[in-house]
Each structure stands twice: as C-alpha cells, then as structure tokens.
Amino acid sequence: MKKCNYRRGVAAGLMLLAGGAFAGAPENRAELANMVIQDCGSCHGLTMRGGLGPPLRPDNLKQQSVESIAAIIKEGVDGTAMPPWKPLLTDEQIFWISRQLKSGALLTDETKDAR
C-alpha cells in the first residue's frame, strides 16, 4: 500500500506541476489515456485485470454505469487506497475516462490478451 501511495503522490505532484496540461479531454486524449494506464494501472494492474484495486475491464464494469464509475474516480473510496481525483481532473476528463474504461477503449491489443 505504501508503494501505491508513493506512486500516487508522485503522480499528483507531477500533475499539479503540469498545471493545465490535462485541460479539455478531447484535445488531450493521449495524455489522459497514458495517465490511466500508468497511474490507475499502478494499483489496478497495467492490463487492468486487478491488483491492489479491482479489475477495470469492461466485463468487470458491466454492472456499473458511467456515472457511478465517474463518481468513484471523482470522490475516491473511503477506507481504501482509491483517492479522489477531483482536485486533479475536470468533470469532463473524469467522464471521458469513465466512458473509456466502460467500453474497453483504452485496452491495447497487448493488454486485451494479457492474462
């Protein structure tokens, strides 16, 4: 858990230093996608099959709405390592990420087949 918290702290610091680098999801899709794979992947697994956090693959998220996924990203989950991302991401970015996770759009051929 300490390793995940350290990574999260480093990621948060870098995003704060980057300032508006992630403003406007449509213009910064590649940066957001990379952030999801690297930052979310540090706890949920680089192939999104789970780790410290639960899997974030379409089959695992089918019972969740985009809105409920967005709420978890935005507010975090008390009592777990999942932090609130609302200080670092806009609502537009959070909903974009939620839609991508729900659809599996961020999975590459390599991560789709990874076991």
PDB file of N, CA and C in Angstrom:
ATOM      1  N   MET A   1       0.822  -1.187   0.000  1.00  0.00           N
ATOM      2  CA  MET A   1       0.000   0.000   0.000  1.00  0.00           C
ATOM      3  C   MET A   1       0.865   1.249   0.000  1.00  0.00           C
ATOM      4  N   LYS A   2       2.021   1.219   0.712  1.00  0.00           N
ATOM      5  CA  LYS A   2       2.889   2.380   0.742  1.00  0.00           C
ATOM      6  C   LYS A   2       3.427   2.681  -0.646  1.00  0.00           C
ATOM      7  N   LYS A   3       3.768   1.630  -1.413  1.00  0.00           N
ATOM      8  CA  LYS A   3       4.285   1.817  -2.755  1.00  0.00           C
ATOM      9  C   LYS A   3       3.241   2.500  -3.636  1.00  0.00           C
ATOM     10  N   CYS A   4       1.985   2.068  -3.518  1.00  0.00           N
ATOM     11  CA  CYS A   4       0.902   2.665  -4.296  1.00  0.00           C
ATOM     12  C   CYS A   4       0.695   4.117  -3.882  1.00  0.00           C
ATOM     13  N   ASN A   5       0.745   4.408  -2.580  1.00  0.00           N
ATOM     14  CA  ASN A   5       0.584   5.781  -2.105  1.00  0.00           C
ATOM     15  C   ASN A   5       1.726   6.654  -2.586  1.00  0.00           C
ATOM     16  N   TYR A   6       2.942   6.129  -2.608  1.00  0.00           N
ATOM     17  CA  TYR A   6       4.090   6.879  -3.100  1.00  0.00           C
ATOM     18  C   TYR A   6       3.897   7.226  -4.574  1.00  0.00           C
ATOM     19  N   ARG A   7       3.518   6.241  -5.381  1.00  0.00           N
ATOM     20  CA  ARG A   7       3.288   6.486  -6.809  1.00  0.00           C
ATOM     21  C   ARG A   7       2.187   7.513  -7.019  1.00  0.00           C
ATOM     22  N   ARG A   8       1.128   7.381  -6.241  1.00  0.00           N
ATOM     23  CA  ARG A   8       0.015   8.313  -6.362  1.00  0.00           C
ATOM     24  C   ARG A   8       0.472   9.724  -6.008  1.00  0.00           C
ATOM     25  N   GLY A   9       1.289   9.856  -4.962  1.00  0.00           N
ATOM     26  CA  GLY A   9       1.802  11.159  -4.555  1.00  0.00           C
ATOM     27  C   GLY A   9       2.684  11.771  -5.624  1.00  0.00           C
ATOM     28  N   VAL A  10       3.549  10.960  -6.216  1.00  0.00           N
ATOM     29  CA  VAL A  10       4.403  11.447  -7.297  1.00  0.00           C
ATOM     30  C   VAL A  10       3.549  11.870  -8.485  1.00  0.00           C
ATOM     31  N   ALA A  11       2.572  11.049  -8.853  1.00  0.00           N
ATOM     32  CA  ALA A  11       1.694  11.385  -9.983  1.00  0.00           C
ATOM     33  C   ALA A  11       0.927  12.669  -9.714  1.00  0.00           C
ATOM     34  N   ALA A  12       0.406  12.806  -8.499  1.00  0.00           N
ATOM     35  CA  ALA A  12      -0.344  14.016  -8.156  1.00  0.00           C
ATOM     36  C   ALA A  12       0.553  15.238  -8.233  1.00  0.00           C
ATOM     37  N   GLY A  13       1.766  15.119  -7.731  1.00  0.00           N
ATOM     38  CA  GLY A  13       2.699  16.245  -7.792  1.00  0.00           C
ATOM     39  C   GLY A  13       3.036  16.628  -9.216  1.00  0.00           C
ATOM     40  N   LEU A  14       3.273  15.641 -10.060  1.00  0.00           N
ATOM     41  CA  LEU A  14       3.579  15.926 -11.462  1.00  0.00           C
ATOM     42  C   LEU A  14       2.406  16.586 -12.169  1.00  0.00           C
ATOM     43  N   MET A  15       1.195  16.129 -11.859  1.00  0.00           N
ATOM     44  CA  MET A  15       0.025  16.736 -12.493  1.00  0.00           C
ATOM     45  C   MET A  15      -0.166  18.167 -12.027  1.00  0.00           C
ATOM     46  N   LEU A  16       0.100  18.423 -10.755  1.00  0.00           N
ATOM     47  CA  LEU A  16      -0.020  19.794 -10.261  1.00  0.00           C
ATOM     48  C   LEU A  16       1.014  20.690 -10.925  1.00  0.00           C
ATOM     49  N   LEU A  17       2.232  20.175 -11.111  1.00  0.00           N
ATOM     50  CA  LEU A  17       3.259  20.954 -11.789  1.00  0.00           C
ATOM     51  C   LEU A  17       2.903  21.193 -13.251  1.00  0.00           C
ATOM     52  N   ALA A  18       2.242  20.223 -13.853  1.00  0.00           N
ATOM     53  CA  ALA A  18       1.860  20.357 -15.255  1.00  0.00           C
ATOM     54  C   ALA A  18       0.758  21.384 -15.453  1.00  0.00           C
ATOM     55  N   GLY A  19       0.094  21.757 -14.376  1.00  0.00           N
ATOM     56  CA  GLY A  19      -0.952  22.778 -14.469  1.00  0.00           C
ATOM     57  C   GLY A  19      -2.085  22.359 -15.365  1.00  0.00           C
ATOM     58  N   GLY A  20      -2.300  23.083 -16.438  1.00  0.00           N
ATOM     59  CA  GLY A  20      -3.423  22.842 -17.337  1.00  0.00           C
ATOM     60  C   GLY A  20      -3.150  21.831 -18.421  1.00  0.00           C
ATOM     61  N   ALA A  21      -2.134  21.028 -18.265  1.00  0.00           N
ATOM     62  CA  ALA A  21      -1.782  20.085 -19.321  1.00  0.00           C
ATOM     63  C   ALA A  21      -2.903  19.120 -19.658  1.00  0.00           C
ATOM     64  N   PHE A  22      -3.793  18.824 -18.705  1.00  0.00           N
ATOM     65  CA  PHE A  22      -4.869  17.875 -18.957  1.00  0.00           C
ATOM     66  C   PHE A  22      -6.205  18.558 -19.197  1.00  0.00           C
ATOM     67  N   ALA A  23      -6.205  19.865 -19.344  1.00  0.00           N
ATOM     68  CA  ALA A  23      -7.465  20.586 -19.554  1.00  0.00           C
ATOM     69  C   ALA A  23      -8.080  20.170 -20.878  1.00  0.00           C
ATOM     70  N   GLY A  24      -9.348  19.866 -20.887  1.00  0.00           N
ATOM     71  CA  GLY A  24     -10.065  19.537 -22.115  1.00  0.00           C
ATOM     72  C   GLY A  24      -9.775  18.146 -22.626  1.00  0.00           C
ATOM     73  N   ALA A  25     -10.485  17.172 -22.171  1.00  0.00           N
ATOM     74  CA  ALA A  25     -10.231  15.782 -22.533  1.00  0.00           C
ATOM     75  C   ALA A  25     -10.112  15.540 -24.030  1.00  0.00           C
ATOM     76  N   PRO A  26     -11.004  16.073 -24.870  1.00  0.00           N
ATOM     77  CA  PRO A  26     -10.901  15.748 -26.283  1.00  0.00           C
ATOM     78  C   PRO A  26      -9.551  16.112 -26.901  1.00  0.00           C
ATOM     79  N   GLU A  27      -8.950  17.213 -26.464  1.00  0.00           N
ATOM     80  CA  GLU A  27      -7.675  17.635 -27.033  1.00  0.00           C
ATOM     81  C   GLU A  27      -6.499  16.865 -26.449  1.00  0.00           C
ATOM     82  N   ASN A  28      -6.682  16.243 -25.309  1.00  0.00           N
ATOM     83  CA  ASN A  28      -5.581  15.588 -24.613  1.00  0.00           C
ATOM     84  C   ASN A  28      -5.852  14.116 -24.352  1.00  0.00           C
ATOM     85  N   ARG A  29      -6.502  13.477 -25.285  1.00  0.00           N
ATOM     86  CA  ARG A  29      -6.845  12.067 -25.093  1.00  0.00           C
ATOM     87  C   ARG A  29      -5.630  11.189 -24.842  1.00  0.00           C
ATOM     88  N   ALA A  30      -4.570  11.418 -25.599  1.00  0.00           N
ATOM     89  CA  ALA A  30      -3.380  10.572 -25.448  1.00  0.00           C
ATOM     90  C   ALA A  30      -2.775  10.716 -24.055  1.00  0.00           C
ATOM     91  N   GLU A  31      -2.717  11.957 -23.554  1.00  0.00           N
ATOM     92  CA  GLU A  31      -2.167  12.181 -22.217  1.00  0.00           C
ATOM     93  C   GLU A  31      -3.049  11.535 -21.148  1.00  0.00           C
ATOM     94  N   LEU A  32      -4.358  11.679 -21.298  1.00  0.00           N
ATOM     95  CA  LEU A  32      -5.277  11.068 -20.333  1.00  0.00           C
ATOM     96  C   LEU A  32      -5.199   9.548 -20.390  1.00  0.00           C
ATOM     97  N   ALA A  33      -5.136   9.002 -21.599  1.00  0.00           N
ATOM     98  CA  ALA A  33      -5.038   7.547 -21.743  1.00  0.00           C
ATOM     99  C   ALA A  33      -3.764   7.037 -21.076  1.00  0.00           C
ATOM    100  N   ASN A  34      -2.660   7.738 -21.293  1.00  0.00           N
ATOM    101  CA  ASN A  34      -1.401   7.346 -20.664  1.00  0.00           C
ATOM    102  C   ASN A  34      -1.499   7.442 -19.145  1.00  0.00           C
ATOM    103  N   MET A  35      -2.146   8.491 -18.656  1.00  0.00           N
ATOM    104  CA  MET A  35      -2.322   8.655 -17.220  1.00  0.00           C
ATOM    105  C   MET A  35      -3.114   7.481 -16.638  1.00  0.00           C
ATOM    106  N   VAL A  36      -4.171   7.069 -17.334  1.00  0.00           N
ATOM    107  CA  VAL A  36      -4.987   5.947 -16.845  1.00  0.00           C
ATOM    108  C   VAL A  36      -4.144   4.670 -16.789  1.00  0.00           C
ATOM    109  N   ILE A  37      -3.430   4.381 -17.849  1.00  0.00           N
ATOM    110  CA  ILE A  37      -2.628   3.155 -17.885  1.00  0.00           C
ATOM    111  C   ILE A  37      -1.555   3.186 -16.805  1.00  0.00           C
ATOM    112  N   GLN A  38      -0.845   4.302 -16.690  1.00  0.00           N
ATOM    113  CA  GLN A  38       0.248   4.385 -15.725  1.00  0.00           C
ATOM    114  C   GLN A  38      -0.244   4.552 -14.286  1.00  0.00           C
ATOM    115  N   ASP A  39      -1.086   5.554 -14.043  1.00  0.00           N
ATOM    116  CA  ASP A  39      -1.486   5.865 -12.669  1.00  0.00           C
ATOM    117  C   ASP A  39      -2.537   4.893 -12.139  1.00  0.00           C
ATOM    118  N   CYS A  40      -3.578   4.662 -12.898  1.00  0.00           N
ATOM    119  CA  CYS A  40      -4.596   3.705 -12.447  1.00  0.00           C
ATOM    120  C   CYS A  40      -4.012   2.295 -12.455  1.00  0.00           C
ATOM    121  N   GLY A  41      -3.189   2.025 -13.490  1.00  0.00           N
ATOM    122  CA  GLY A  41      -2.571   0.717 -13.617  1.00  0.00           C
ATOM    123  C   GLY A  41      -1.633   0.364 -12.484  1.00  0.00           C
ATOM    124  N   SER A  42      -1.102   1.381 -11.789  1.00  0.00           N
ATOM    125  CA  SER A  42      -0.191   1.079 -10.681  1.00  0.00           C
ATOM    126  C   SER A  42      -0.913   0.336  -9.558  1.00  0.00           C
ATOM    127  N   CYS A  43      -2.205   0.526  -9.423  1.00  0.00           N
ATOM    128  CA  CYS A  43      -2.984  -0.203  -8.402  1.00  0.00           C
ATOM    129  C   CYS A  43      -3.931  -1.240  -9.011  1.00  0.00           C
ATOM    130  N   HIS A  44      -4.443  -0.965 -10.197  1.00  0.00           N
ATOM    131  CA  HIS A  44      -5.429  -1.853 -10.820  1.00  0.00           C
ATOM    132  C   HIS A  44      -4.787  -2.817 -11.813  1.00  0.00           C
ATOM    133  N   GLY A  45      -3.466  -2.767 -11.948  1.00  0.00           N
ATOM    134  CA  GLY A  45      -2.743  -3.620 -12.878  1.00  0.00           C
ATOM    135  C   GLY A  45      -2.615  -2.951 -14.234  1.00  0.00           C
ATOM    136  N   LEU A  46      -1.442  -3.060 -14.846  1.00  0.00           N
ATOM    137  CA  LEU A  46      -1.208  -2.398 -16.132  1.00  0.00           C
ATOM    138  C   LEU A  46      -2.113  -2.936 -17.234  1.00  0.00           C
ATOM    139  N   THR A  47      -2.625  -4.147 -17.055  1.00  0.00           N
ATOM    140  CA  THR A  47      -3.580  -4.698 -18.018  1.00  0.00           C
ATOM    141  C   THR A  47      -5.013  -4.544 -17.512  1.00  0.00           C
ATOM    142  N   MET A  48      -5.175  -3.812 -16.410  1.00  0.00           N
ATOM    143  CA  MET A  48      -6.471  -3.519 -15.790  1.00  0.00           C
ATOM    144  C   MET A  48      -7.189  -4.777 -15.313  1.00  0.00           C
ATOM    145  N   ARG A  49      -6.421  -5.835 -15.024  1.00  0.00           N
ATOM    146  CA  ARG A  49      -7.010  -7.081 -14.527  1.00  0.00           C
ATOM    147  C   ARG A  49      -7.043  -7.149 -13.003  1.00  0.00           C
ATOM    148  N   GLY A  50      -6.672  -6.057 -12.354  1.00  0.00           N
ATOM    149  CA  GLY A  50      -6.727  -6.008 -10.901  1.00  0.00           C
ATOM    150  C   GLY A  50      -5.361  -6.136 -10.273  1.00  0.00           C
ATOM    151  N   GLY A  51      -5.291  -5.750  -9.042  1.00  0.00           N
ATOM    152  CA  GLY A  51      -4.066  -5.782  -8.247  1.00  0.00           C
ATOM    153  C   GLY A  51      -4.478  -5.384  -6.847  1.00  0.00           C
ATOM    154  N   LEU A  52      -3.926  -4.280  -6.367  1.00  0.00           N
ATOM    155  CA  LEU A  52      -4.381  -3.726  -5.096  1.00  0.00           C
ATOM    156  C   LEU A  52      -5.848  -3.313  -5.219  1.00  0.00           C
ATOM    157  N   GLY A  53      -6.196  -2.755  -6.380  1.00  0.00           N
ATOM    158  CA  GLY A  53      -7.580  -2.375  -6.664  1.00  0.00           C
ATOM    159  C   GLY A  53      -8.251  -3.409  -7.556  1.00  0.00           C
ATOM    160  N   PRO A  54      -9.569  -3.325  -7.714  1.00  0.00           N
ATOM    161  CA  PRO A  54     -10.297  -4.304  -8.527  1.00  0.00           C
ATOM    162  C   PRO A  54     -10.016  -4.141 -10.024  1.00  0.00           C
ATOM    163  N   PRO A  55     -10.354  -5.146 -10.826  1.00  0.00           N
ATOM    164  CA  PRO A  55     -10.188  -5.052 -12.276  1.00  0.00           C
ATOM    165  C   PRO A  55     -11.021  -3.903 -12.858  1.00  0.00           C
ATOM    166  N   LEU A  56     -10.485  -3.284 -13.902  1.00  0.00           N
ATOM    167  CA  LEU A  56     -11.192  -2.192 -14.584  1.00  0.00           C
ATOM    168  C   LEU A  56     -11.404  -2.527 -16.052  1.00  0.00           C
ATOM    169  N   ARG A  57     -11.852  -3.733 -16.313  1.00  0.00           N
ATOM    170  CA  ARG A  57     -12.109  -4.170 -17.683  1.00  0.00           C
ATOM    171  C   ARG A  57     -13.619  -4.173 -17.916  1.00  0.00           C
ATOM    172  N   PRO A  58     -14.038  -4.055 -19.175  1.00  0.00           N
ATOM    173  CA  PRO A  58     -15.480  -3.973 -19.467  1.00  0.00           C
ATOM    174  C   PRO A  58     -16.314  -5.080 -18.827  1.00  0.00           C
ATOM    175  N   ASP A  59     -15.820  -6.310 -18.844  1.00  0.00           N
ATOM    176  CA  ASP A  59     -16.582  -7.412 -18.235  1.00  0.00           C
ATOM    177  C   ASP A  59     -16.802  -7.196 -16.742  1.00  0.00           C
ATOM    178  N   ASN A  60     -15.830  -6.570 -16.089  1.00  0.00           N
ATOM    179  CA  ASN A  60     -15.928  -6.326 -14.650  1.00  0.00           C
ATOM    180  C   ASN A  60     -16.752  -5.089 -14.332  1.00  0.00           C
ATOM    181  N   LEU A  61     -16.925  -4.212 -15.314  1.00  0.00           N
ATOM    182  CA  LEU A  61     -17.637  -2.948 -15.096  1.00  0.00           C
ATOM    183  C   LEU A  61     -19.043  -2.943 -15.681  1.00  0.00           C
ATOM    184  N   LYS A  62     -19.490  -4.063 -16.254  1.00  0.00           N
ATOM    185  CA  LYS A  62     -20.774  -4.045 -16.965  1.00  0.00           C
ATOM    186  C   LYS A  62     -21.961  -3.715 -16.069  1.00  0.00           C
ATOM    187  N   GLN A  63     -21.872  -3.995 -14.775  1.00  0.00           N
ATOM    188  CA  GLN A  63     -22.973  -3.669 -13.859  1.00  0.00           C
ATOM    189  C   GLN A  63     -22.931  -2.214 -13.387  1.00  0.00           C
ATOM    190  N   GLN A  64     -21.843  -1.524 -13.686  1.00  0.00           N
ATOM    191  CA  GLN A  64     -21.678  -0.129 -13.261  1.00  0.00           C
ATOM    192  C   GLN A  64     -22.071   0.806 -14.399  1.00  0.00           C
ATOM    193  N   SER A  65     -22.695   1.907 -14.056  1.00  0.00           N
ATOM    194  CA  SER A  65     -22.975   2.937 -15.060  1.00  0.00           C
ATOM    195  C   SER A  65     -21.749   3.830 -15.204  1.00  0.00           C
ATOM    196  N   VAL A  66     -21.674   4.547 -16.308  1.00  0.00           N
ATOM    197  CA  VAL A  66     -20.604   5.524 -16.499  1.00  0.00           C
ATOM    198  C   VAL A  66     -20.623   6.525 -15.349  1.00  0.00           C
ATOM    199  N   GLU A  67     -21.815   6.909 -14.928  1.00  0.00           N
ATOM    200  CA  GLU A  67     -21.952   7.883 -13.836  1.00  0.00           C
ATOM    201  C   GLU A  67     -21.391   7.343 -12.522  1.00  0.00           C
ATOM    202  N   SER A  68     -21.642   6.066 -12.230  1.00  0.00           N
ATOM    203  CA  SER A  68     -21.130   5.506 -10.971  1.00  0.00           C
ATOM    204  C   SER A  68     -19.610   5.348 -11.013  1.00  0.00           C
ATOM    205  N   ILE A  69     -19.073   5.002 -12.177  1.00  0.00           N
ATOM    206  CA  ILE A  69     -17.619   4.925 -12.334  1.00  0.00           C
ATOM    207  C   ILE A  69     -17.022   6.314 -12.139  1.00  0.00           C
ATOM    208  N   ALA A  70     -17.650   7.315 -12.744  1.00  0.00           N
ATOM    209  CA  ALA A  70     -17.173   8.697 -12.611  1.00  0.00           C
ATOM    210  C   ALA A  70     -17.199   9.151 -11.154  1.00  0.00           C
ATOM    211  N   ALA A  71     -18.240   8.782 -10.431  1.00  0.00           N
ATOM    212  CA  ALA A  71     -18.345   9.177  -9.018  1.00  0.00           C
ATOM    213  C   ALA A  71     -17.209   8.571  -8.195  1.00  0.00           C
ATOM    214  N   ILE A  72     -16.850   7.332  -8.489  1.00  0.00           N
ATOM    215  CA  ILE A  72     -15.746   6.686  -7.775  1.00  0.00           C
ATOM    216  C   ILE A  72     -14.430   7.390  -8.093  1.00  0.00           C
ATOM    217  N   ILE A  73     -14.206   7.687  -9.368  1.00  0.00           N
ATOM    218  CA  ILE A  73     -12.983   8.397  -9.750  1.00  0.00           C
ATOM    219  C   ILE A  73     -12.947   9.769  -9.080  1.00  0.00           C
ATOM    220  N   LYS A  74     -14.050  10.460  -9.125  1.00  0.00           N
ATOM    221  CA  LYS A  74     -14.115  11.826  -8.594  1.00  0.00           C
ATOM    222  C   LYS A  74     -13.926  11.868  -7.081  1.00  0.00           C
ATOM    223  N   GLU A  75     -14.638  11.016  -6.352  1.00  0.00           N
ATOM    224  CA  GLU A  75     -14.668  11.089  -4.888  1.00  0.00           C
ATOM    225  C   GLU A  75     -13.733  10.110  -4.182  1.00  0.00           C
ATOM    226  N   GLY A  76     -13.233   9.094  -4.904  1.00  0.00           N
ATOM    227  CA  GLY A  76     -12.436   8.069  -4.255  1.00  0.00           C
ATOM    228  C   GLY A  76     -13.325   7.123  -3.469  1.00  0.00           C
ATOM    229  N   VAL A  77     -12.716   6.211  -2.743  1.00  0.00           N
ATOM    230  CA  VAL A  77     -13.459   5.245  -1.931  1.00  0.00           C
ATOM    231  C   VAL A  77     -12.857   5.254  -0.527  1.00  0.00           C
ATOM    232  N   ASP A  78     -13.633   5.709   0.435  1.00  0.00           N
ATOM    233  CA  ASP A  78     -13.167   5.758   1.827  1.00  0.00           C
ATOM    234  C   ASP A  78     -12.730   4.379   2.302  1.00  0.00           C
ATOM    235  N   GLY A  79     -11.670   4.358   3.068  1.00  0.00           N
ATOM    236  CA  GLY A  79     -11.196   3.111   3.651  1.00  0.00           C
ATOM    237  C   GLY A  79     -10.387   2.248   2.702  1.00  0.00           C
ATOM    238  N   THR A  80     -10.106   2.770   1.491  1.00  0.00           N
ATOM    239  CA  THR A  80      -9.302   2.032   0.516  1.00  0.00           C
ATOM    240  C   THR A  80      -8.176   2.942   0.026  1.00  0.00           C
ATOM    241  N   ALA A  81      -7.344   2.411  -0.848  1.00  0.00           N
ATOM    242  CA  ALA A  81      -6.257   3.198  -1.435  1.00  0.00           C
ATOM    243  C   ALA A  81      -6.735   4.081  -2.586  1.00  0.00           C
ATOM    244  N   MET A  82      -8.023   3.993  -2.955  1.00  0.00           N
ATOM    245  CA  MET A  82      -8.552   4.782  -4.076  1.00  0.00           C
ATOM    246  C   MET A  82      -8.743   6.231  -3.643  1.00  0.00           C
ATOM    247  N   PRO A  83      -7.934   7.144  -4.224  1.00  0.00           N
ATOM    248  CA  PRO A  83      -8.034   8.556  -3.835  1.00  0.00           C
ATOM    249  C   PRO A  83      -9.083   9.288  -4.659  1.00  0.00           C
ATOM    250  N   PRO A  84      -9.514  10.438  -4.202  1.00  0.00           N
ATOM    251  CA  PRO A  84     -10.368  11.286  -5.035  1.00  0.00           C
ATOM    252  C   PRO A  84      -9.504  12.003  -6.076  1.00  0.00           C
ATOM    253  N   TRP A  85      -9.938  11.964  -7.316  1.00  0.00           N
ATOM    254  CA  TRP A  85      -9.194  12.631  -8.388  1.00  0.00           C
ATOM    255  C   TRP A  85      -9.768  14.000  -8.725  1.00  0.00           C
ATOM    256  N   LYS A  86     -10.842  14.411  -8.050  1.00  0.00           N
ATOM    257  CA  LYS A  86     -11.468  15.695  -8.380  1.00  0.00           C
ATOM    258  C   LYS A  86     -10.537  16.891  -8.237  1.00  0.00           C
ATOM    259  N   PRO A  87      -9.511  16.867  -7.362  1.00  0.00           N
ATOM    260  CA  PRO A  87      -8.620  18.025  -7.332  1.00  0.00           C
ATOM    261  C   PRO A  87      -7.712  18.122  -8.561  1.00  0.00           C
ATOM    262  N   LEU A  88      -7.575  17.020  -9.297  1.00  0.00           N
ATOM    263  CA  LEU A  88      -6.621  16.975 -10.403  1.00  0.00           C
ATOM    264  C   LEU A  88      -7.252  16.907 -11.781  1.00  0.00           C
ATOM    265  N   LEU A  89      -8.493  16.457 -11.867  1.00  0.00           N
ATOM    266  CA  LEU A  89      -9.156  16.263 -13.158  1.00  0.00           C
ATOM    267  C   LEU A  89     -10.477  17.016 -13.187  1.00  0.00           C
ATOM    268  N   THR A  90     -10.838  17.472 -14.376  1.00  0.00           N
ATOM    269  CA  THR A  90     -12.133  18.130 -14.545  1.00  0.00           C
ATOM    270  C   THR A  90     -13.225  17.065 -14.651  1.00  0.00           C
ATOM    271  N   ASP A  91     -14.470  17.485 -14.496  1.00  0.00           N
ATOM    272  CA  ASP A  91     -15.590  16.549 -14.684  1.00  0.00           C
ATOM    273  C   ASP A  91     -15.565  15.968 -16.092  1.00  0.00           C
ATOM    274  N   GLU A  92     -15.249  16.792 -17.081  1.00  0.00           N
ATOM    275  CA  GLU A  92     -15.184  16.320 -18.468  1.00  0.00           C
ATOM    276  C   GLU A  92     -14.150  15.206 -18.606  1.00  0.00           C
ATOM    277  N   GLN A  93     -12.993  15.381 -18.009  1.00  0.00           N
ATOM    278  CA  GLN A  93     -11.949  14.366 -18.076  1.00  0.00           C
ATOM    279  C   GLN A  93     -12.365  13.094 -17.337  1.00  0.00           C
ATOM    280  N   ILE A  94     -12.969  13.265 -16.183  1.00  0.00           N
ATOM    281  CA  ILE A  94     -13.418  12.109 -15.398  1.00  0.00           C
ATOM    282  C   ILE A  94     -14.461  11.305 -16.170  1.00  0.00           C
ATOM    283  N   PHE A  95     -15.405  11.974 -16.816  1.00  0.00           N
ATOM    284  CA  PHE A  95     -16.419  11.249 -17.592  1.00  0.00           C
ATOM    285  C   PHE A  95     -15.811  10.607 -18.831  1.00  0.00           C
ATOM    286  N   TRP A  96     -14.843  11.266 -19.450  1.00  0.00           N
ATOM    287  CA  TRP A  96     -14.157  10.676 -20.603  1.00  0.00           C
ATOM    288  C   TRP A  96     -13.471   9.382 -20.176  1.00  0.00           C
ATOM    289  N   ILE A  97     -12.729   9.432 -19.070  1.00  0.00           N
ATOM    290  CA  ILE A  97     -12.043   8.242 -18.560  1.00  0.00           C
ATOM    291  C   ILE A  97     -13.059   7.149 -18.232  1.00  0.00           C
ATOM    292  N   SER A  98     -14.159   7.512 -17.606  1.00  0.00           N
ATOM    293  CA  SER A  98     -15.200   6.536 -17.246  1.00  0.00           C
ATOM    294  C   SER A  98     -15.748   5.836 -18.479  1.00  0.00           C
ATOM    295  N   ARG A  99     -16.021   6.604 -19.526  1.00  0.00           N
ATOM    296  CA  ARG A  99     -16.533   6.006 -20.775  1.00  0.00           C
ATOM    297  C   ARG A  99     -15.502   5.074 -21.399  1.00  0.00           C
ATOM    298  N   GLN A 100     -14.236   5.476 -21.359  1.00  0.00           N
ATOM    299  CA  GLN A 100     -13.183   4.646 -21.937  1.00  0.00           C
ATOM    300  C   GLN A 100     -13.032   3.335 -21.163  1.00  0.00           C
ATOM    301  N   LEU A 101     -13.061   3.417 -19.841  1.00  0.00           N
ATOM    302  CA  LEU A 101     -12.958   2.197 -19.036  1.00  0.00           C
ATOM    303  C   LEU A 101     -14.140   1.271 -19.294  1.00  0.00           C
ATOM    304  N   LYS A 102     -15.332   1.823 -19.329  1.00  0.00           N
ATOM    305  CA  LYS A 102     -16.557   1.034 -19.536  1.00  0.00           C
ATOM    306  C   LYS A 102     -16.533   0.321 -20.888  1.00  0.00           C
ATOM    307  N   SER A 103     -16.027   1.011 -21.913  1.00  0.00           N
ATOM    308  CA  SER A 103     -16.023   0.440 -23.262  1.00  0.00           C
ATOM    309  C   SER A 103     -14.795  -0.422 -23.554  1.00  0.00           C
ATOM    310  N   GLY A 104     -13.754  -0.281 -22.742  1.00  0.00           N
ATOM    311  CA  GLY A 104     -12.513  -1.006 -23.017  1.00  0.00           C
ATOM    312  C   GLY A 104     -11.649  -0.327 -24.053  1.00  0.00           C
ATOM    313  N   ALA A 105     -11.972   0.903 -24.405  1.00  0.00           N
ATOM    314  CA  ALA A 105     -11.265   1.611 -25.468  1.00  0.00           C
ATOM    315  C   ALA A 105      -9.792   1.861 -25.156  1.00  0.00           C
ATOM    316  N   LEU A 106      -9.411   1.867 -23.902  1.00  0.00           N
ATOM    317  CA  LEU A 106      -8.015   2.121 -23.551  1.00  0.00           C
ATOM    318  C   LEU A 106      -7.162   0.861 -23.578  1.00  0.00           C
ATOM    319  N   LEU A 107      -7.799  -0.291 -23.736  1.00  0.00           N
ATOM    320  CA  LEU A 107      -7.045  -1.535 -23.797  1.00  0.00           C
ATOM    321  C   LEU A 107      -6.415  -1.680 -25.172  1.00  0.00           C
ATOM    322  N   THR A 108      -5.131  -1.987 -25.199  1.00  0.00           N
ATOM    323  CA  THR A 108      -4.432  -2.217 -26.458  1.00  0.00           C
ATOM    324  C   THR A 108      -4.536  -3.697 -26.800  1.00  0.00           C
ATOM    325  N   ASP A 109      -4.099  -4.070 -27.993  1.00  0.00           N
ATOM    326  CA  ASP A 109      -4.092  -5.487 -28.353  1.00  0.00           C
ATOM    327  C   ASP A 109      -3.290  -6.288 -27.331  1.00  0.00           C
ATOM    328  N   GLU A 110      -2.207  -5.690 -26.856  1.00  0.00           N
ATOM    329  CA  GLU A 110      -1.350  -6.349 -25.874  1.00  0.00           C
ATOM    330  C   GLU A 110      -2.073  -6.543 -24.540  1.00  0.00           C
ATOM    331  N   THR A 111      -2.775  -5.508 -24.072  1.00  0.00           N
ATOM    332  CA  THR A 111      -3.444  -5.613 -22.772  1.00  0.00           C
ATOM    333  C   THR A 111      -4.757  -6.375 -22.861  1.00  0.00           C
ATOM    334  N   LYS A 112      -5.393  -6.393 -24.032  1.00  0.00           N
ATOM    335  CA  LYS A 112      -6.640  -7.158 -24.184  1.00  0.00           C
ATOM    336  C   LYS A 112      -6.392  -8.645 -23.998  1.00  0.00           C
ATOM    337  N   ASP A 113      -5.246  -9.103 -24.510  1.00  0.00           N
ATOM    338  CA  ASP A 113      -4.941 -10.530 -24.474  1.00  0.00           C
ATOM    339  C   ASP A 113      -4.175 -10.957 -23.236  1.00  0.00           C
ATOM    340  N   ALA A 114      -3.682 -10.000 -22.457  1.00  0.00           N
ATOM    341  CA  ALA A 114      -2.860 -10.330 -21.284  1.00  0.00           C
ATOM    342  C   ALA A 114      -3.683 -11.085 -20.246  1.00  0.00           C
ATOM    343  N   ARG A 115      -3.097 -12.035 -19.626  1.00  0.00           N
ATOM    344  CA  ARG A 115      -3.772 -12.826 -18.587  1.00  0.00           C
ATOM    345  C   ARG A 115      -3.167 -12.559 -17.247  1.00  0.00           C
TER     346      ARG A 115
END
